[in-house]
Amino acid sequence: MAPLLAAGVFAAYFVKHVIESLARRAASGLKAERLICALYAEIKANADDLAEFLAASPPLERVRQAVRDNPAFRPHFTNAPHRTVYGAHVTELASLPRSVILGVVAFYCQLDRLSELTYGLERPSFDAISPEGRETVMSELWRAVERGVALGRDVQHSLEIHAPLELTRAALKDVHVRLS
């Protein structure tokens, strides 16, 4: 009887730990899906902002001409990237596939680059740059914005691959509801 009781206790103990392990795995998967959806929404918002900037701005050649012709001209750029999800969950990126991690980090590095370029326009040293140098800065800024849009779209695509599209759409719907 004692061997049967021991086998029963062991079986119950084993089953309990298997169930707990499966529950942890499911919770971890759900957490990763939520992270993917939140990153997707934030990256989409940033990429859309950058694309809107390009669409609403005068052509680059006109901006370059204005900077060249008027040494006092200092273009104004609003730089307000969204980083809440990335900043709060940067340590959890390891749960995502490597290709996704690389894309997400590259995108946010591009946002940092844009921030630095925009900040440079506000510095007194911008006035001291030659007209050709100021044109180059504008070209570099435009290329950085275009690269940000392209990176954002690429990362969105890679996130869609790793999370069902319904989840990413649901994440966007939740964001729009909260913002309105």
C-alpha atoms as a PDB file:
ATOM      1  CA  MET A   1       0.000   0.000   0.000  1.00  0.00           C
ATOM      2  CA  ALA A   2       2.823   2.417   0.846  1.00  0.00           C
ATOM      3  CA  PRO A   3       4.382   2.069  -2.638  1.00  0.00           C
ATOM      4  CA  LEU A   4       0.997   2.858  -4.216  1.00  0.00           C
ATOM      5  CA  LEU A   5       0.553   5.883  -1.977  1.00  0.00           C
ATOM      6  CA  ALA A   6       4.082   7.095  -2.807  1.00  0.00           C
ATOM      7  CA  ALA A   7       3.438   6.616  -6.532  1.00  0.00           C
ATOM      8  CA  GLY A   8       0.140   8.518  -6.214  1.00  0.00           C
ATOM      9  CA  VAL A   9       1.782  11.411  -4.352  1.00  0.00           C
ATOM     10  CA  PHE A  10       4.585  11.532  -6.910  1.00  0.00           C
ATOM     11  CA  ALA A  11       2.102  11.480  -9.810  1.00  0.00           C
ATOM     12  CA  ALA A  12       0.072  14.315  -8.236  1.00  0.00           C
ATOM     13  CA  TYR A  13       3.264  16.305  -7.610  1.00  0.00           C
ATOM     14  CA  PHE A  14       4.434  15.703 -11.196  1.00  0.00           C
ATOM     15  CA  VAL A  15       1.071  16.640 -12.754  1.00  0.00           C
ATOM     16  CA  LYS A  16       0.882  19.777 -10.593  1.00  0.00           C
ATOM     17  CA  HIS A  17       4.303  20.956 -11.818  1.00  0.00           C
ATOM     18  CA  VAL A  18       3.518  20.148 -15.451  1.00  0.00           C
ATOM     19  CA  ILE A  19       0.305  22.195 -15.224  1.00  0.00           C
ATOM     20  CA  GLU A  20       2.149  25.100 -13.551  1.00  0.00           C
ATOM     21  CA  SER A  21       4.842  24.975 -16.229  1.00  0.00           C
ATOM     22  CA  LEU A  22       2.251  25.037 -19.008  1.00  0.00           C
ATOM     23  CA  ALA A  23       0.463  27.955 -17.329  1.00  0.00           C
ATOM     24  CA  ARG A  24       3.752  29.895 -17.051  1.00  0.00           C
ATOM     25  CA  ARG A  25       4.517  29.221 -20.704  1.00  0.00           C
ATOM     26  CA  ALA A  26       1.046  30.398 -21.759  1.00  0.00           C
ATOM     27  CA  ALA A  27       1.359  33.545 -19.618  1.00  0.00           C
ATOM     28  CA  SER A  28       4.799  34.228 -21.082  1.00  0.00           C
ATOM     29  CA  GLY A  29       3.441  33.827 -24.618  1.00  0.00           C
ATOM     30  CA  LEU A  30       0.551  36.172 -23.875  1.00  0.00           C
ATOM     31  CA  LYS A  31       2.949  38.721 -22.375  1.00  0.00           C
ATOM     32  CA  ALA A  32       5.150  38.549 -25.501  1.00  0.00           C
ATOM     33  CA  GLU A  33       2.083  38.987 -27.739  1.00  0.00           C
ATOM     34  CA  ARG A  34       0.994  42.023 -25.745  1.00  0.00           C
ATOM     35  CA  LEU A  35       4.493  43.494 -25.996  1.00  0.00           C
ATOM     36  CA  ILE A  36       4.489  42.946 -29.754  1.00  0.00           C
ATOM     37  CA  CYS A  37       1.095  44.636 -30.069  1.00  0.00           C
ATOM     38  CA  ALA A  38       2.131  47.596 -27.923  1.00  0.00           C
ATOM     39  CA  LEU A  39       5.403  48.037 -29.831  1.00  0.00           C
ATOM     40  CA  TYR A  40       3.513  47.753 -33.103  1.00  0.00           C
ATOM     41  CA  ALA A  41       1.135  50.545 -32.102  1.00  0.00           C
ATOM     42  CA  GLU A  42       3.950  52.808 -30.875  1.00  0.00           C
ATOM     43  CA  ILE A  43       6.154  52.206 -33.922  1.00  0.00           C
ATOM     44  CA  LYS A  44       3.195  52.769 -36.243  1.00  0.00           C
ATOM     45  CA  ALA A  45       2.437  56.086 -34.519  1.00  0.00           C
ATOM     46  CA  ASN A  46       6.069  57.186 -34.910  1.00  0.00           C
ATOM     47  CA  ALA A  47       6.335  56.051 -38.541  1.00  0.00           C
ATOM     48  CA  ASP A  48       3.022  57.756 -39.361  1.00  0.00           C
ATOM     49  CA  ASP A  49       4.257  60.987 -37.750  1.00  0.00           C
ATOM     50  CA  LEU A  50       7.433  60.860 -39.834  1.00  0.00           C
ATOM     51  CA  ALA A  51       5.499  60.116 -43.029  1.00  0.00           C
ATOM     52  CA  GLU A  52       3.118  62.972 -42.247  1.00  0.00           C
ATOM     53  CA  PHE A  53       6.106  65.285 -41.798  1.00  0.00           C
ATOM     54  CA  LEU A  54       7.378  64.376 -45.264  1.00  0.00           C
ATOM     55  CA  ALA A  55       3.930  64.786 -46.819  1.00  0.00           C
ATOM     56  CA  ALA A  56       3.225  68.148 -45.164  1.00  0.00           C
ATOM     57  CA  SER A  57       6.676  69.691 -45.646  1.00  0.00           C
ATOM     58  CA  PRO A  58       7.782  71.673 -48.664  1.00  0.00           C
ATOM     59  CA  PRO A  59      10.052  69.761 -51.039  1.00  0.00           C
ATOM     60  CA  LEU A  60      13.596  69.272 -49.798  1.00  0.00           C
ATOM     61  CA  GLU A  61      15.027  71.349 -52.631  1.00  0.00           C
ATOM     62  CA  ARG A  62      12.929  74.336 -51.546  1.00  0.00           C
ATOM     63  CA  VAL A  63      14.103  73.993 -47.937  1.00  0.00           C
ATOM     64  CA  ARG A  64      17.711  73.693 -49.095  1.00  0.00           C
ATOM     65  CA  GLN A  65      17.281  76.810 -51.226  1.00  0.00           C
ATOM     66  CA  ALA A  66      15.794  78.760 -48.288  1.00  0.00           C
ATOM     67  CA  VAL A  67      18.678  77.731 -46.030  1.00  0.00           C
ATOM     68  CA  ARG A  68      21.207  78.655 -48.732  1.00  0.00           C
ATOM     69  CA  ASP A  69      19.637  82.037 -49.572  1.00  0.00           C
ATOM     70  CA  ASN A  70      18.944  83.301 -46.065  1.00  0.00           C
ATOM     71  CA  PRO A  71      21.646  82.762 -43.423  1.00  0.00           C
ATOM     72  CA  ALA A  72      19.174  83.836 -40.716  1.00  0.00           C
ATOM     73  CA  PHE A  73      16.616  81.211 -41.761  1.00  0.00           C
ATOM     74  CA  ARG A  74      16.320  78.479 -39.203  1.00  0.00           C
ATOM     75  CA  PRO A  75      13.769  75.782 -40.042  1.00  0.00           C
ATOM     76  CA  HIS A  76      11.465  74.668 -37.256  1.00  0.00           C
ATOM     77  CA  PHE A  77      10.902  70.968 -36.634  1.00  0.00           C
ATOM     78  CA  THR A  78       8.728  69.507 -33.934  1.00  0.00           C
ATOM     79  CA  ASN A  79      10.397  66.403 -32.577  1.00  0.00           C
ATOM     80  CA  ALA A  80       8.157  64.415 -30.250  1.00  0.00           C
ATOM     81  CA  PRO A  81       8.770  60.686 -30.738  1.00  0.00           C
ATOM     82  CA  HIS A  82       6.719  58.188 -28.772  1.00  0.00           C
ATOM     83  CA  ARG A  83       8.947  55.990 -26.569  1.00  0.00           C
ATOM     84  CA  THR A  84       6.754  54.932 -23.667  1.00  0.00           C
ATOM     85  CA  VAL A  85       6.432  51.246 -24.578  1.00  0.00           C
ATOM     86  CA  TYR A  86      10.017  50.862 -25.745  1.00  0.00           C
ATOM     87  CA  GLY A  87      11.423  52.624 -22.685  1.00  0.00           C
ATOM     88  CA  ALA A  88       9.275  50.695 -20.231  1.00  0.00           C
ATOM     89  CA  HIS A  89       9.860  47.279 -21.802  1.00  0.00           C
ATOM     90  CA  VAL A  90      13.371  47.449 -23.242  1.00  0.00           C
ATOM     91  CA  THR A  91      14.494  44.655 -20.893  1.00  0.00           C
ATOM     92  CA  GLU A  92      11.717  42.398 -22.188  1.00  0.00           C
ATOM     93  CA  LEU A  93      12.808  42.635 -25.819  1.00  0.00           C
ATOM     94  CA  ALA A  94      14.862  39.481 -25.285  1.00  0.00           C
ATOM     95  CA  SER A  95      11.615  37.492 -25.387  1.00  0.00           C
ATOM     96  CA  LEU A  96      11.151  38.493 -29.033  1.00  0.00           C
ATOM     97  CA  PRO A  97      12.802  36.861 -32.055  1.00  0.00           C
ATOM     98  CA  ARG A  98      16.289  38.193 -32.823  1.00  0.00           C
ATOM     99  CA  SER A  99      15.286  39.679 -36.195  1.00  0.00           C
ATOM    100  CA  VAL A 100      12.513  41.640 -34.494  1.00  0.00           C
ATOM    101  CA  ILE A 101      14.834  42.866 -31.732  1.00  0.00           C
ATOM    102  CA  LEU A 102      17.367  44.148 -34.271  1.00  0.00           C
ATOM    103  CA  GLY A 103      14.677  45.992 -36.221  1.00  0.00           C
ATOM    104  CA  VAL A 104      13.076  47.537 -33.140  1.00  0.00           C
ATOM    105  CA  VAL A 105      16.425  48.732 -31.784  1.00  0.00           C
ATOM    106  CA  ALA A 106      17.456  50.107 -35.205  1.00  0.00           C
ATOM    107  CA  PHE A 107      14.161  52.018 -35.451  1.00  0.00           C
ATOM    108  CA  TYR A 108      14.514  53.631 -32.032  1.00  0.00           C
ATOM    109  CA  CYS A 109      18.187  54.435 -32.758  1.00  0.00           C
ATOM    110  CA  GLN A 110      16.974  56.202 -35.894  1.00  0.00           C
ATOM    111  CA  LEU A 111      14.528  58.212 -33.773  1.00  0.00           C
ATOM    112  CA  ASP A 112      17.459  59.162 -31.519  1.00  0.00           C
ATOM    113  CA  ARG A 113      19.434  60.254 -34.567  1.00  0.00           C
ATOM    114  CA  LEU A 114      16.524  62.418 -35.701  1.00  0.00           C
ATOM    115  CA  SER A 115      16.301  63.950 -32.243  1.00  0.00           C
ATOM    116  CA  GLU A 116      19.990  64.852 -32.351  1.00  0.00           C
ATOM    117  CA  LEU A 117      19.721  66.330 -35.842  1.00  0.00           C
ATOM    118  CA  THR A 118      16.699  68.391 -34.811  1.00  0.00           C
ATOM    119  CA  TYR A 119      18.444  69.501 -31.644  1.00  0.00           C
ATOM    120  CA  GLY A 120      21.406  70.593 -33.771  1.00  0.00           C
ATOM    121  CA  LEU A 121      19.173  73.007 -35.673  1.00  0.00           C
ATOM    122  CA  GLU A 122      18.450  74.816 -32.418  1.00  0.00           C
ATOM    123  CA  ARG A 123      22.082  75.182 -31.380  1.00  0.00           C
ATOM    124  CA  PRO A 124      23.921  78.474 -31.956  1.00  0.00           C
ATOM    125  CA  SER A 125      26.545  76.598 -33.987  1.00  0.00           C
ATOM    126  CA  PHE A 126      23.970  76.037 -36.772  1.00  0.00           C
ATOM    127  CA  ASP A 127      24.237  79.744 -37.653  1.00  0.00           C
ATOM    128  CA  ALA A 128      28.004  79.418 -38.071  1.00  0.00           C
ATOM    129  CA  ILE A 129      27.807  76.605 -40.630  1.00  0.00           C
ATOM    130  CA  SER A 130      28.439  77.534 -44.270  1.00  0.00           C
ATOM    131  CA  PRO A 131      25.403  77.715 -46.583  1.00  0.00           C
ATOM    132  CA  GLU A 132      26.521  74.463 -48.216  1.00  0.00           C
ATOM    133  CA  GLY A 133      26.894  72.849 -44.803  1.00  0.00           C
ATOM    134  CA  ARG A 134      23.402  73.985 -43.808  1.00  0.00           C
ATOM    135  CA  GLU A 135      22.061  72.456 -47.033  1.00  0.00           C
ATOM    136  CA  THR A 136      23.846  69.224 -46.186  1.00  0.00           C
ATOM    137  CA  VAL A 137      22.264  69.217 -42.723  1.00  0.00           C
ATOM    138  CA  MET A 138      18.801  69.584 -44.304  1.00  0.00           C
ATOM    139  CA  SER A 139      19.508  66.741 -46.738  1.00  0.00           C
ATOM    140  CA  GLU A 140      20.746  64.566 -43.904  1.00  0.00           C
ATOM    141  CA  LEU A 141      17.638  65.336 -41.862  1.00  0.00           C
ATOM    142  CA  TRP A 142      15.350  64.432 -44.778  1.00  0.00           C
ATOM    143  CA  ARG A 143      17.242  61.179 -45.395  1.00  0.00           C
ATOM    144  CA  ALA A 144      16.971  60.338 -41.700  1.00  0.00           C
ATOM    145  CA  VAL A 145      13.210  60.920 -41.756  1.00  0.00           C
ATOM    146  CA  GLU A 146      12.822  58.807 -44.909  1.00  0.00           C
ATOM    147  CA  ARG A 147      14.926  56.053 -43.338  1.00  0.00           C
ATOM    148  CA  GLY A 148      12.818  56.274 -40.166  1.00  0.00           C
ATOM    149  CA  VAL A 149       9.635  55.752 -42.176  1.00  0.00           C
ATOM    150  CA  ALA A 150      11.152  52.794 -44.047  1.00  0.00           C
ATOM    151  CA  LEU A 151      12.522  51.206 -40.866  1.00  0.00           C
ATOM    152  CA  GLY A 152       9.199  51.722 -39.107  1.00  0.00           C
ATOM    153  CA  ARG A 153       7.290  49.981 -41.902  1.00  0.00           C
ATOM    154  CA  ASP A 154       9.815  47.117 -41.979  1.00  0.00           C
ATOM    155  CA  VAL A 155       9.552  46.625 -38.219  1.00  0.00           C
ATOM    156  CA  GLN A 156       5.752  46.710 -38.383  1.00  0.00           C
ATOM    157  CA  HIS A 157       5.889  43.969 -41.002  1.00  0.00           C
ATOM    158  CA  SER A 158       8.220  41.816 -38.899  1.00  0.00           C
ATOM    159  CA  LEU A 159       5.982  42.303 -35.853  1.00  0.00           C
ATOM    160  CA  GLU A 160       2.938  41.268 -37.906  1.00  0.00           C
ATOM    161  CA  ILE A 161       4.732  38.039 -38.782  1.00  0.00           C
ATOM    162  CA  HIS A 162       5.286  37.210 -35.104  1.00  0.00           C
ATOM    163  CA  ALA A 163       1.849  38.195 -33.824  1.00  0.00           C
ATOM    164  CA  PRO A 164      -1.504  37.527 -35.410  1.00  0.00           C
ATOM    165  CA  LEU A 165      -2.674  40.531 -37.423  1.00  0.00           C
ATOM    166  CA  GLU A 166      -5.914  40.598 -35.429  1.00  0.00           C
ATOM    167  CA  LEU A 167      -3.870  41.308 -32.297  1.00  0.00           C
ATOM    168  CA  THR A 168      -1.946  44.167 -33.862  1.00  0.00           C
ATOM    169  CA  ARG A 169      -5.177  45.628 -35.216  1.00  0.00           C
ATOM    170  CA  ALA A 170      -6.794  45.237 -31.794  1.00  0.00           C
ATOM    171  CA  ALA A 171      -3.823  47.042 -30.230  1.00  0.00           C
ATOM    172  CA  LEU A 172      -4.243  49.927 -32.647  1.00  0.00           C
ATOM    173  CA  LYS A 173      -7.969  50.059 -31.987  1.00  0.00           C
ATOM    174  CA  ASP A 174      -7.328  50.225 -28.214  1.00  0.00           C
ATOM    175  CA  VAL A 175      -4.818  53.054 -28.708  1.00  0.00           C
ATOM    176  CA  HIS A 176      -7.264  55.075 -30.809  1.00  0.00           C
ATOM    177  CA  VAL A 177     -10.033  54.571 -28.233  1.00  0.00           C
ATOM    178  CA  ARG A 178      -7.775  55.744 -25.382  1.00  0.00           C
ATOM    179  CA  LEU A 179      -6.568  58.775 -27.323  1.00  0.00           C
ATOM    180  CA  SER A 180     -10.063  59.983 -28.203  1.00  0.00           C
END
